[in-house]
N, C-alpha and C. Protein backbone atom coordinates (compact mmCIF):
# COMPACT_ATOMS: atom_id res chain seq x y z
N MET A 1 153.64 45.70 103.35
CA MET A 1 154.38 45.76 102.10
C MET A 1 153.79 44.73 101.15
N THR A 2 153.73 45.11 99.93
CA THR A 2 153.25 44.20 98.92
C THR A 2 154.26 44.11 97.79
N GLY A 3 154.18 43.07 97.04
CA GLY A 3 155.06 42.92 95.90
C GLY A 3 155.98 41.74 96.07
N ASP A 4 156.78 41.53 95.07
CA ASP A 4 157.72 40.41 95.06
C ASP A 4 159.03 40.87 95.67
N LEU A 5 159.09 40.85 97.00
CA LEU A 5 160.28 41.36 97.70
C LEU A 5 161.05 40.20 98.32
N GLU A 6 162.34 40.28 98.23
CA GLU A 6 163.22 39.30 98.87
C GLU A 6 163.21 39.55 100.38
N PRO A 7 163.37 38.50 101.19
CA PRO A 7 163.42 38.69 102.65
C PRO A 7 164.48 39.70 103.09
N ALA A 8 165.63 39.72 102.41
CA ALA A 8 166.69 40.68 102.77
C ALA A 8 166.25 42.10 102.49
N HIS A 9 165.50 42.30 101.40
CA HIS A 9 165.01 43.63 101.06
C HIS A 9 163.98 44.10 102.08
N ILE A 10 163.11 43.20 102.50
CA ILE A 10 162.11 43.54 103.53
C ILE A 10 162.82 43.93 104.82
N LYS A 11 163.83 43.17 105.21
CA LYS A 11 164.59 43.48 106.44
C LYS A 11 165.24 44.85 106.34
N GLN A 12 165.79 45.17 105.16
CA GLN A 12 166.43 46.47 104.95
C GLN A 12 165.41 47.60 105.03
N LEU A 13 164.25 47.42 104.42
CA LEU A 13 163.21 48.45 104.46
C LEU A 13 162.72 48.70 105.89
N LEU A 14 162.55 47.64 106.65
CA LEU A 14 162.11 47.80 108.05
C LEU A 14 163.17 48.51 108.89
N ALA A 15 164.44 48.26 108.61
CA ALA A 15 165.51 48.95 109.35
C ALA A 15 165.50 50.44 109.03
N VAL A 16 165.22 50.79 107.78
CA VAL A 16 165.19 52.20 107.38
C VAL A 16 164.03 52.92 108.06
N THR A 17 162.87 52.28 108.16
CA THR A 17 161.72 52.94 108.78
C THR A 17 161.99 53.28 110.24
N GLY A 18 162.79 52.48 110.91
CA GLY A 18 163.13 52.77 112.31
C GLY A 18 164.00 54.00 112.47
N ARG A 19 164.68 54.41 111.42
CA ARG A 19 165.54 55.59 111.49
C ARG A 19 164.89 56.83 110.89
N CYS A 20 163.72 56.68 110.34
CA CYS A 20 163.03 57.80 109.69
C CYS A 20 162.53 58.80 110.74
N PRO A 21 162.89 60.09 110.62
CA PRO A 21 162.45 61.09 111.61
C PRO A 21 160.92 61.21 111.70
N MET A 22 160.23 61.13 110.59
CA MET A 22 158.76 61.23 110.64
C MET A 22 158.16 60.02 111.33
N HIS A 23 158.70 58.86 111.08
CA HIS A 23 158.21 57.64 111.74
C HIS A 23 158.40 57.76 113.24
N ARG A 24 159.56 58.23 113.65
CA ARG A 24 159.82 58.39 115.09
C ARG A 24 158.91 59.44 115.71
N LEU A 25 158.64 60.51 114.98
CA LEU A 25 157.76 61.56 115.49
C LEU A 25 156.35 61.03 115.68
N LEU A 26 155.84 60.30 114.71
CA LEU A 26 154.47 59.82 114.75
C LEU A 26 154.26 58.67 115.73
N THR A 27 155.28 57.87 115.97
CA THR A 27 155.11 56.72 116.85
C THR A 27 155.67 56.93 118.24
N GLY A 28 156.45 57.97 118.45
CA GLY A 28 157.07 58.19 119.75
C GLY A 28 156.26 59.14 120.61
N GLU A 29 156.75 59.34 121.80
CA GLU A 29 156.12 60.27 122.73
C GLU A 29 156.56 61.69 122.37
N VAL A 30 155.62 62.58 122.28
CA VAL A 30 155.91 63.96 121.91
C VAL A 30 155.51 64.87 123.06
N SER A 31 156.38 65.78 123.43
CA SER A 31 156.04 66.78 124.44
C SER A 31 156.29 68.16 123.84
N VAL A 32 155.39 69.07 124.15
CA VAL A 32 155.51 70.43 123.64
C VAL A 32 155.59 71.36 124.84
N VAL A 33 156.59 72.22 124.83
CA VAL A 33 156.76 73.19 125.91
C VAL A 33 156.52 74.57 125.33
N THR A 34 155.57 75.31 125.92
CA THR A 34 155.27 76.65 125.47
C THR A 34 155.81 77.63 126.51
N VAL A 35 156.62 78.56 126.04
CA VAL A 35 157.22 79.55 126.94
C VAL A 35 156.70 80.92 126.51
N PRO A 36 155.92 81.58 127.39
CA PRO A 36 155.45 82.91 127.02
C PRO A 36 156.61 83.90 127.02
N THR A 37 156.67 84.70 125.99
CA THR A 37 157.74 85.68 125.85
C THR A 37 157.14 87.01 125.48
N VAL A 38 157.51 88.05 126.21
CA VAL A 38 157.04 89.39 125.93
C VAL A 38 158.23 90.21 125.47
N LEU A 39 158.12 90.76 124.30
CA LEU A 39 159.20 91.59 123.77
C LEU A 39 158.82 93.06 123.95
N ALA A 40 159.75 93.83 124.46
CA ALA A 40 159.51 95.26 124.64
C ALA A 40 159.61 95.95 123.30
N ARG A 41 158.74 96.91 123.08
CA ARG A 41 158.78 97.70 121.85
C ARG A 41 160.00 98.61 121.94
N PRO A 42 160.84 98.63 120.89
CA PRO A 42 162.02 99.49 120.96
C PRO A 42 161.63 100.97 120.99
N ARG A 43 162.37 101.73 121.76
CA ARG A 43 162.11 103.17 121.85
C ARG A 43 162.64 103.87 120.61
N PRO A 44 161.90 104.85 120.10
CA PRO A 44 162.42 105.60 118.95
C PRO A 44 163.59 106.47 119.40
N PRO A 45 164.47 106.81 118.46
CA PRO A 45 165.58 107.71 118.82
C PRO A 45 165.02 109.02 119.36
N GLU A 46 165.77 109.71 120.18
CA GLU A 46 165.33 110.96 120.82
C GLU A 46 164.82 111.97 119.80
N SER A 47 165.41 111.99 118.61
CA SER A 47 165.00 112.98 117.61
C SER A 47 163.59 112.67 117.07
N GLN A 48 163.12 111.45 117.22
CA GLN A 48 161.81 111.06 116.73
C GLN A 48 160.79 110.87 117.85
N ALA A 49 161.24 111.07 119.09
CA ALA A 49 160.34 110.85 120.22
C ALA A 49 159.23 111.89 120.22
N LEU A 50 158.06 111.45 120.66
CA LEU A 50 156.92 112.36 120.77
C LEU A 50 157.08 113.24 122.00
N PRO A 51 156.64 114.49 121.93
CA PRO A 51 156.75 115.36 123.13
C PRO A 51 155.83 114.84 124.22
N ARG A 52 156.26 115.07 125.44
CA ARG A 52 155.45 114.60 126.60
C ARG A 52 154.61 115.70 127.14
């Protein structure tokens, strides 16, 4: 931080950064879980079904 800041203001700014979601995301441990999902294609109504 730069500028003419009071010690109380610096303390307040540092407290806010600890609660910032982006700060926590970038500095914390991140785990990603990938779940493969297969969706079935919906069947057309009988009136639109192709002959077999």
